[in-house]
Amino acid sequence: DEERVAIGTRVAEGHPNYQLMYDMLTGIRIAVGRVSAKIKRDLTEEDFRAAHKLVFDVTGTELTPGVKYDFKFKDYAPWVFRNLREQFHIDPADYMMSLTNKYILSELGSPGKSGSFFYYSRDYRFIIKTIHHTEHKFMRKVLGKYYQHVCENPNTLLCRFYGLYRIKLPHGRKIHFVVMGNVFPANKDIHETYDLKGSTFGRLTPEEEISKNPHAVMKDQNWVQRHKTLELGPLKRELLITQLERDVELLKRLKIMDYSLLIGIHDLLRGNREGIRDHRLHIPDTRPSDRDSSSRAHKRENKADMVRKALKSVNPVQLSSSELPESPSDERRYCVFYAEEGGFFSTGQNNDPADKIYFVGIIDILTPYNIVKKTEHLWKSLTQDKHAISAVNPLEYGTRFMHFMKKTVTRT
């Protein structure tokens, strides 16, 4: 069935988020291009508070090109994120090509309770995620500490943020979103996925759901019930635990909780022969037809209607395995946890290679322990063990998280 996508929702003309997706990518392309074209300079305190506004319309301006839809776009701390991309070894031209060379037609709702959604870049390297306004404000608040931590920890497992933006469509609400790195590479099928918080209360994906969708994201109780462990020899276990402790210490200081360790497992014996990746991404062919091209000679006042109708002929096509990268993206080799075919090889007790590749990262790091979470903790504590529930204070959350990582996830 050509209309079906295996993961996420097919987004085409008429889908409520199609215009939003198109505008997001257009705004990113112009914003990143502007800051990348400037001569590199040292960051100032003002750079962390900066917000640059761009206005897009069909006819274009000196700063922005003509676009299919009218919208307003805000680029936050562009110089800081330029430096972050450089710290993560992201080439600016490569970054823009990956995100905007073709428009994405794969939308994935968040598995959590946030109601956010994801768009993947064509090559699966980058994720655009919508965030709540409170997360946006919090990210701007902690950006300085996050930036310092990344500079001091080139092997950090924290979510890799590459941009923070806001978009407003005509007569629409303001939507905040981030661009971040995908923990999983495009060159390997992920056979099992786990989202681990270190809490077992309510942390179970039912077996009936897993039987219907073998690639469902599993949780802490699934990990325990399946007697899973990261098979790492002493050297690699020490590397992983040490970096996790550094990252979690920062999250404690910033009073962040509710984060997870995302784990993807690739079985080398199964390899890529099941073609799991081939069905995950869909793209539209946005090349104009000859009729559309010739109509550019029409009068300027007709241009708005003309370009807004251009997407009517969009032809969504499914990515084939030949279009997905055969090797991990270049920036992954600079981090020890992503340097071995895009991930971290399992090893035996003598540190010899085993038969799995792990892809790990700490995700969902924008939830502060605020009045909402404190109220949730108080309410749930009335009927449940107050130490077992997910919503606990950041110090307890971090300590519990690391205990689970040491004793259950990477036990010796």
Protein backbone atom coordinates (compact mmCIF):
# COMPACT_ATOMS: atom_id res chain seq x y z
CA ASP A 1 0.00 0.00 0.00
CA GLU A 2 1.80 3.12 -1.27
CA GLU A 3 -0.24 5.41 1.01
CA ARG A 4 0.97 3.67 4.18
CA VAL A 5 3.99 4.55 6.30
CA ALA A 6 5.32 1.99 8.74
CA ILE A 7 6.34 4.57 11.32
CA GLY A 8 4.64 7.91 11.84
CA THR A 9 2.01 9.66 9.76
CA ARG A 10 2.13 10.40 6.08
CA VAL A 11 2.28 14.18 5.66
CA ALA A 12 1.15 15.49 2.29
CA GLU A 13 -0.77 18.43 0.85
CA GLY A 14 -3.86 18.82 3.01
CA HIS A 15 -2.19 17.44 6.14
CA PRO A 16 -2.41 20.10 8.88
CA ASN A 17 1.34 20.04 9.46
CA TYR A 18 2.55 20.13 5.85
CA GLN A 19 2.80 23.93 5.66
CA LEU A 20 4.44 24.00 9.09
CA MET A 21 7.10 21.51 8.01
CA TYR A 22 7.83 23.43 4.81
CA ASP A 23 8.18 26.73 6.68
CA MET A 24 10.37 25.24 9.40
CA LEU A 25 12.89 23.99 6.87
CA THR A 26 12.87 27.22 4.87
CA GLY A 27 13.48 29.27 8.02
CA ILE A 28 16.33 27.01 9.13
CA ARG A 29 17.99 27.20 5.73
CA ILE A 30 18.02 31.02 5.68
CA ALA A 31 18.91 31.45 9.38
CA VAL A 32 21.82 29.00 9.32
CA GLY A 33 23.06 30.38 6.02
CA ARG A 34 23.16 33.91 7.43
CA VAL A 35 25.19 33.12 10.55
CA SER A 36 27.48 30.64 8.79
CA ALA A 37 28.46 33.25 6.18
CA LYS A 38 29.90 35.58 8.82
CA ILE A 39 33.51 35.59 10.02
CA LYS A 40 33.96 33.53 13.18
CA ARG A 41 34.29 35.50 16.41
CA ASP A 42 34.32 34.85 20.15
CA LEU A 43 30.98 34.46 21.91
CA THR A 44 29.67 37.19 24.20
CA GLU A 45 27.09 37.04 26.99
CA GLU A 46 24.67 38.81 24.68
CA ASP A 47 24.91 35.94 22.18
CA PHE A 48 23.19 33.64 24.66
CA ARG A 49 20.21 36.03 24.91
CA ALA A 50 20.01 36.95 21.22
CA ALA A 51 16.89 36.40 19.09
CA HIS A 52 16.88 37.29 15.39
CA LYS A 53 13.55 37.75 13.65
CA LEU A 54 12.91 36.99 9.96
CA VAL A 55 9.72 37.71 8.01
CA PHE A 56 8.92 35.57 4.96
CA ASP A 57 6.33 36.23 2.28
CA VAL A 58 5.64 35.11 -1.25
CA THR A 59 7.39 37.99 -2.99
CA GLY A 60 10.53 38.02 -0.82
CA THR A 61 12.68 40.78 0.68
CA GLU A 62 16.35 41.75 0.77
CA LEU A 63 16.90 39.34 3.68
CA THR A 64 14.55 36.52 2.77
CA PRO A 65 13.60 34.81 -0.51
CA GLY A 66 10.11 34.45 -1.87
CA VAL A 67 8.38 31.45 -0.31
CA LYS A 68 5.26 29.37 -0.85
CA TYR A 69 3.66 30.49 2.41
CA ASP A 70 3.81 33.65 4.54
CA PHE A 71 5.27 33.20 8.02
CA LYS A 72 7.44 34.75 10.72
CA PHE A 73 10.54 33.00 12.01
CA LYS A 74 12.75 33.63 15.04
CA ASP A 75 16.28 32.23 15.40
CA TYR A 76 17.50 32.07 19.01
CA ALA A 77 21.17 32.38 20.02
CA PRO A 78 22.38 31.74 16.45
CA TRP A 79 26.04 32.30 17.26
CA VAL A 80 25.90 29.91 20.21
CA PHE A 81 24.34 27.17 18.10
CA ARG A 82 26.81 27.81 15.31
CA ASN A 83 29.56 27.12 17.86
CA LEU A 84 27.72 24.07 19.19
CA ARG A 85 27.45 22.64 15.68
CA GLU A 86 31.18 23.18 15.28
CA GLN A 87 31.85 21.49 18.64
CA PHE A 88 29.85 18.51 17.37
CA HIS A 89 31.76 18.62 14.03
CA ILE A 90 28.69 19.47 11.95
CA ASP A 91 29.62 21.10 8.63
CA PRO A 92 27.17 24.00 7.97
CA ALA A 93 26.70 23.26 4.26
CA ASP A 94 26.24 19.57 4.99
CA TYR A 95 23.77 20.43 7.75
CA MET A 96 21.62 22.60 5.49
CA MET A 97 21.74 20.07 2.66
CA SER A 98 20.69 17.27 4.99
CA LEU A 99 17.73 19.21 6.40
CA THR A 100 16.44 21.08 3.37
CA ASN A 101 17.57 19.34 0.20
CA LYS A 102 14.21 17.55 0.02
CA TYR A 103 11.17 17.96 2.20
CA ILE A 104 10.34 15.26 4.70
CA LEU A 105 7.07 13.42 4.73
CA SER A 106 7.55 11.36 7.85
CA GLU A 107 5.99 12.62 11.05
CA LEU A 108 6.24 10.74 14.32
CA GLY A 109 4.23 11.63 17.40
CA SER A 110 6.13 11.62 20.66
CA PRO A 111 5.94 8.33 22.59
CA GLY A 112 5.74 10.40 25.77
CA LYS A 113 2.95 12.57 27.13
CA SER A 114 4.17 15.88 25.70
CA GLY A 115 2.12 15.80 22.52
CA SER A 116 5.15 16.98 20.52
CA PHE A 117 5.98 15.57 17.13
CA PHE A 118 9.13 14.79 15.20
CA TYR A 119 10.30 15.27 11.64
CA TYR A 120 13.37 13.39 10.43
CA SER A 121 15.87 14.76 7.95
CA ARG A 122 16.11 12.86 4.69
CA ASP A 123 19.33 11.08 5.73
CA TYR A 124 17.97 10.34 9.25
CA ARG A 125 20.78 12.34 10.92
CA PHE A 126 18.71 15.16 12.38
CA ILE A 127 15.38 15.45 14.17
CA ILE A 128 13.14 18.50 14.30
CA LYS A 129 11.05 18.33 17.47
CA THR A 130 8.35 20.73 18.59
CA ILE A 131 8.64 21.76 22.23
CA HIS A 132 6.42 23.53 24.75
CA HIS A 133 7.00 27.21 25.44
CA THR A 134 8.13 26.38 28.99
CA GLU A 135 10.79 24.00 27.59
CA HIS A 136 11.89 26.73 25.19
CA LYS A 137 12.30 29.25 28.01
CA PHE A 138 14.12 26.72 30.15
CA MET A 139 16.53 25.85 27.35
CA ARG A 140 17.44 29.50 26.89
CA LYS A 141 17.99 29.74 30.65
CA VAL A 142 20.41 26.79 30.83
CA LEU A 143 22.05 27.24 27.41
CA GLY A 144 25.24 28.73 28.87
CA LYS A 145 25.80 25.79 31.24
CA TYR A 146 24.92 23.30 28.48
CA TYR A 147 27.39 24.96 26.10
CA GLN A 148 30.17 24.90 28.69
CA HIS A 149 29.51 21.22 29.43
CA VAL A 150 29.66 20.28 25.74
CA CYS A 151 32.97 22.13 25.33
CA GLU A 152 34.43 20.31 28.35
CA ASN A 153 32.96 16.91 27.46
CA PRO A 154 33.43 16.02 23.77
CA ASN A 155 32.02 12.54 24.49
CA THR A 156 28.88 13.79 26.22
CA LEU A 157 25.83 11.57 25.90
CA LEU A 158 23.43 14.48 26.41
CA CYS A 159 21.01 15.25 23.60
CA ARG A 160 22.88 17.20 20.90
CA PHE A 161 21.08 20.45 20.19
CA TYR A 162 21.88 22.24 16.92
CA GLY A 163 19.29 25.02 16.82
CA LEU A 164 16.40 26.63 18.69
CA TYR A 165 13.64 28.35 16.74
CA ARG A 166 10.11 29.76 16.79
CA ILE A 167 7.70 29.95 13.90
CA LYS A 168 4.37 31.76 13.53
CA LEU A 169 1.98 31.12 10.67
CA PRO A 170 -0.64 33.75 9.69
CA HIS A 171 -3.49 33.74 12.23
CA GLY A 172 -1.79 30.83 13.96
CA ARG A 173 -0.12 30.22 17.27
CA LYS A 174 3.61 30.45 17.91
CA ILE A 175 5.35 27.08 17.68
CA HIS A 176 8.75 26.47 19.26
CA PHE A 177 11.06 23.73 18.06
CA VAL A 178 14.60 22.42 18.26
CA VAL A 179 16.89 20.65 15.83
CA MET A 180 18.87 17.87 17.43
CA GLY A 181 21.02 14.91 16.50
CA ASN A 182 19.49 11.48 16.04
CA VAL A 183 20.95 8.98 18.51
CA PHE A 184 20.35 6.24 15.95
CA PRO A 185 22.33 6.18 12.68
CA ALA A 186 20.83 5.66 9.25
CA ASN A 187 23.22 2.87 8.27
CA LYS A 188 22.06 0.24 10.79
CA ASP A 189 18.70 -1.37 11.54
CA ILE A 190 17.69 -1.03 15.20
CA HIS A 191 16.35 -4.39 16.37
CA GLU A 192 15.42 -3.36 19.93
CA THR A 193 14.77 0.06 21.45
CA TYR A 194 14.56 0.93 25.16
CA ASP A 195 13.71 4.17 26.97
CA LEU A 196 15.06 3.84 30.54
CA LYS A 197 14.44 6.25 33.43
CA GLY A 198 15.61 4.14 36.36
CA SER A 199 12.04 3.88 37.67
CA THR A 200 9.96 0.72 37.31
CA PHE A 201 6.63 2.22 38.42
CA GLY A 202 4.36 2.34 35.36
CA ARG A 203 7.35 1.75 33.11
CA LEU A 204 6.15 -1.19 31.01
CA THR A 205 5.25 -1.57 27.35
CA PRO A 206 2.60 -4.33 27.26
CA GLU A 207 3.54 -7.55 25.47
CA GLU A 208 0.42 -7.33 23.29
CA GLU A 209 1.65 -3.97 22.00
CA ILE A 210 5.09 -5.43 21.30
CA SER A 211 3.55 -8.40 19.48
CA LYS A 212 1.65 -6.00 17.19
CA ASN A 213 4.69 -3.79 16.68
CA PRO A 214 8.02 -5.65 17.15
CA HIS A 215 9.84 -2.30 17.00
CA ALA A 216 7.87 -0.64 19.79
CA VAL A 217 9.90 1.33 22.33
CA MET A 218 10.27 -0.75 25.50
CA LYS A 219 10.79 0.55 29.05
CA ASP A 220 12.44 -0.25 32.36
CA GLN A 221 10.25 -3.19 33.34
CA ASN A 222 10.68 -4.77 29.91
CA TRP A 223 14.45 -4.45 30.34
CA VAL A 224 14.34 -6.15 33.74
CA GLN A 225 11.87 -8.87 32.71
CA ARG A 226 13.94 -9.74 29.64
CA HIS A 227 17.11 -9.92 31.76
CA LYS A 228 18.82 -7.45 29.46
CA THR A 229 22.23 -5.93 30.06
CA LEU A 230 24.68 -3.95 28.00
CA GLU A 231 27.41 -6.47 27.27
CA LEU A 232 30.47 -4.36 27.95
CA GLY A 233 33.89 -5.40 29.17
CA PRO A 234 35.55 -3.52 32.05
CA LEU A 235 37.15 -0.82 29.88
CA LYS A 236 34.01 0.14 27.98
CA ARG A 237 31.78 -0.11 31.02
CA GLU A 238 34.04 2.32 32.86
CA LEU A 239 34.00 4.72 29.90
CA LEU A 240 30.21 4.69 29.74
CA ILE A 241 29.55 4.98 33.48
CA THR A 242 32.09 7.80 33.88
CA GLN A 243 30.48 9.86 31.12
CA LEU A 244 26.97 9.16 32.39
CA GLU A 245 28.00 10.38 35.85
CA ARG A 246 29.42 13.62 34.42
CA ASP A 247 26.30 14.27 32.38
CA VAL A 248 23.91 13.45 35.22
CA GLU A 249 25.82 15.71 37.60
CA LEU A 250 25.08 18.62 35.26
CA LEU A 251 21.40 17.67 35.09
CA LYS A 252 21.25 17.58 38.89
CA ARG A 253 22.83 21.05 39.16
CA LEU A 254 20.36 22.42 36.62
CA LYS A 255 17.48 20.81 38.56
CA ILE A 256 16.42 18.69 35.57
CA MET A 257 14.50 15.43 35.90
CA ASP A 258 12.38 13.02 33.83
CA TYR A 259 15.17 12.34 31.32
CA SER A 260 15.85 8.90 29.86
CA LEU A 261 18.69 6.81 28.54
CA LEU A 262 17.68 5.85 25.00
CA ILE A 263 19.24 2.55 23.92
CA GLY A 264 19.11 1.08 20.43
CA ILE A 265 20.50 -2.41 19.86
CA HIS A 266 21.77 -3.66 16.49
CA ASP A 267 22.37 -7.39 16.28
CA LEU A 268 25.33 -7.98 13.96
CA LEU A 269 24.14 -11.52 13.25
CA ARG A 270 20.82 -10.19 11.90
CA GLY A 271 22.43 -7.23 10.17
CA ASN A 272 20.29 -5.08 7.86
CA ARG A 273 18.66 -7.88 5.91
CA GLU A 274 15.22 -7.24 7.45
CA GLY A 275 15.08 -3.78 5.87
CA ILE A 276 13.69 -2.11 9.00
CA ARG A 277 14.98 1.34 7.99
CA ASP A 278 13.57 1.22 4.47
CA HIS A 279 10.02 1.95 5.63
CA ARG A 280 10.72 4.71 8.13
CA LEU A 281 11.09 7.76 5.92
CA HIS A 282 8.96 9.16 3.11
CA ILE A 283 9.76 12.26 1.08
CA PRO A 284 7.88 14.37 -1.44
CA ASP A 285 9.27 15.10 -4.89
CA THR A 286 9.11 18.90 -4.92
CA ARG A 287 10.41 19.45 -8.44
CA PRO A 288 7.98 21.68 -10.36
CA SER A 289 6.29 20.41 -13.48
CA ASP A 290 7.04 22.03 -16.87
CA ARG A 291 3.67 23.78 -16.68
CA ASP A 292 4.57 25.24 -13.29
CA SER A 293 7.99 26.37 -14.55
CA SER A 294 6.61 28.15 -17.57
CA SER A 295 4.00 29.93 -15.47
CA ARG A 296 6.73 31.94 -13.76
CA ALA A 297 6.37 34.44 -16.56
CA HIS A 298 2.94 35.39 -15.24
CA LYS A 299 2.36 38.73 -13.59
CA ARG A 300 3.69 39.37 -10.06
CA GLU A 301 0.22 39.68 -8.56
CA ASN A 302 -0.57 36.10 -9.61
CA LYS A 303 2.55 34.68 -8.03
CA ALA A 304 1.02 34.07 -4.61
CA ASP A 305 -1.73 31.82 -5.92
CA MET A 306 0.67 30.14 -8.31
CA VAL A 307 3.22 29.04 -5.73
CA ARG A 308 0.61 28.06 -3.17
CA LYS A 309 -0.84 25.65 -5.73
CA ALA A 310 2.58 24.21 -6.61
CA LEU A 311 2.43 21.56 -3.90
CA LYS A 312 -0.75 20.11 -5.39
CA SER A 313 1.43 18.02 -7.70
CA VAL A 314 3.70 16.77 -4.92
CA ASN A 315 4.44 13.09 -5.41
CA PRO A 316 5.33 11.29 -2.16
CA VAL A 317 7.78 8.44 -2.62
CA GLN A 318 9.16 5.98 -0.10
CA LEU A 319 12.90 6.01 0.51
CA SER A 320 14.58 2.86 -0.72
CA SER A 321 17.54 1.29 1.04
CA SER A 322 19.77 2.54 -1.77
CA GLU A 323 18.95 6.13 -0.75
CA LEU A 324 19.89 5.62 2.91
CA PRO A 325 23.56 6.12 3.83
CA GLU A 326 25.75 3.02 3.82
CA SER A 327 28.10 4.43 6.46
CA PRO A 328 27.56 6.54 9.60
CA SER A 329 27.71 10.31 9.23
CA ASP A 330 31.15 11.83 9.60
CA GLU A 331 30.53 13.72 12.87
CA ARG A 332 29.86 10.48 14.79
CA ARG A 333 33.49 9.37 14.62
CA TYR A 334 34.54 12.22 16.95
CA CYS A 335 32.59 10.78 19.91
CA VAL A 336 33.89 7.54 21.42
CA PHE A 337 30.33 6.23 21.91
CA TYR A 338 29.41 6.71 18.23
CA ALA A 339 32.77 5.97 16.58
CA GLU A 340 32.36 2.23 15.87
CA GLU A 341 30.11 1.94 12.82
CA GLY A 342 28.05 4.76 14.31
CA GLY A 343 27.79 3.26 17.79
CA PHE A 344 29.53 1.38 20.59
CA PHE A 345 30.50 -2.27 20.05
CA SER A 346 29.61 -4.79 22.73
CA THR A 347 32.64 -6.50 24.23
CA GLY A 348 33.41 -9.52 26.41
CA GLN A 349 35.11 -9.54 29.78
CA ASN A 350 38.49 -9.49 28.01
CA ASN A 351 37.37 -6.41 26.06
CA ASP A 352 37.21 -8.40 22.80
CA PRO A 353 34.44 -7.44 20.29
CA ALA A 354 31.10 -9.25 20.57
CA ASP A 355 28.01 -9.40 18.33
CA LYS A 356 26.06 -6.20 19.03
CA ILE A 357 26.33 -2.47 18.45
CA TYR A 358 24.75 -0.13 20.99
CA PHE A 359 23.45 3.36 20.24
CA VAL A 360 22.93 5.33 23.44
CA GLY A 361 22.06 8.89 24.45
CA ILE A 362 20.37 10.85 27.23
CA ILE A 363 17.17 12.40 25.87
CA ASP A 364 14.32 14.63 27.11
CA ILE A 365 16.58 16.92 29.14
CA LEU A 366 14.36 20.02 29.17
CA THR A 367 12.07 19.17 32.10
CA PRO A 368 12.84 21.23 35.23
CA TYR A 369 11.53 20.26 38.66
CA ASN A 370 9.01 23.08 38.73
CA ILE A 371 5.68 23.58 40.48
CA VAL A 372 3.94 21.23 38.02
CA LYS A 373 6.32 18.36 38.75
CA LYS A 374 6.31 19.09 42.49
CA THR A 375 2.52 18.92 42.48
CA GLU A 376 2.62 15.66 40.49
CA HIS A 377 5.04 14.22 43.04
CA LEU A 378 2.83 15.24 45.95
CA TRP A 379 -0.35 13.89 44.34
CA LYS A 380 1.12 10.52 43.33
CA SER A 381 2.82 10.14 46.72
CA LEU A 382 -0.61 9.90 48.34
CA THR A 383 -1.27 6.50 46.76
CA GLN A 384 2.15 5.27 45.58
CA ASP A 385 5.69 4.84 46.89
CA LYS A 386 7.05 8.37 46.65
CA HIS A 387 10.53 7.05 45.83
CA ALA A 388 9.38 4.74 43.02
CA ILE A 389 7.36 7.20 40.94
CA SER A 390 8.99 9.02 38.03
CA ALA A 391 8.39 12.56 39.38
CA VAL A 392 10.94 12.96 42.16
CA ASN A 393 13.33 15.81 42.92
CA PRO A 394 16.38 16.09 40.62
CA LEU A 395 18.92 14.88 43.19
CA GLU A 396 16.93 11.75 43.95
CA TYR A 397 16.10 11.27 40.26
CA GLY A 398 19.77 11.45 39.23
CA THR A 399 20.93 9.15 42.04
CA ARG A 400 18.23 6.58 41.21
CA PHE A 401 19.00 6.86 37.49
CA MET A 402 22.72 6.16 38.00
CA HIS A 403 22.02 3.29 40.40
CA PHE A 404 19.87 1.64 37.72
CA MET A 405 22.55 2.22 35.07
CA LYS A 406 25.25 0.65 37.23
CA LYS A 407 23.34 -2.26 38.76
CA THR A 408 20.86 -3.18 36.04
CA VAL A 409 21.86 -1.75 32.68
CA THR A 410 25.61 -2.36 32.81
CA ARG A 411 25.97 -4.85 35.64
CA THR A 412 29.30 -6.64 35.86
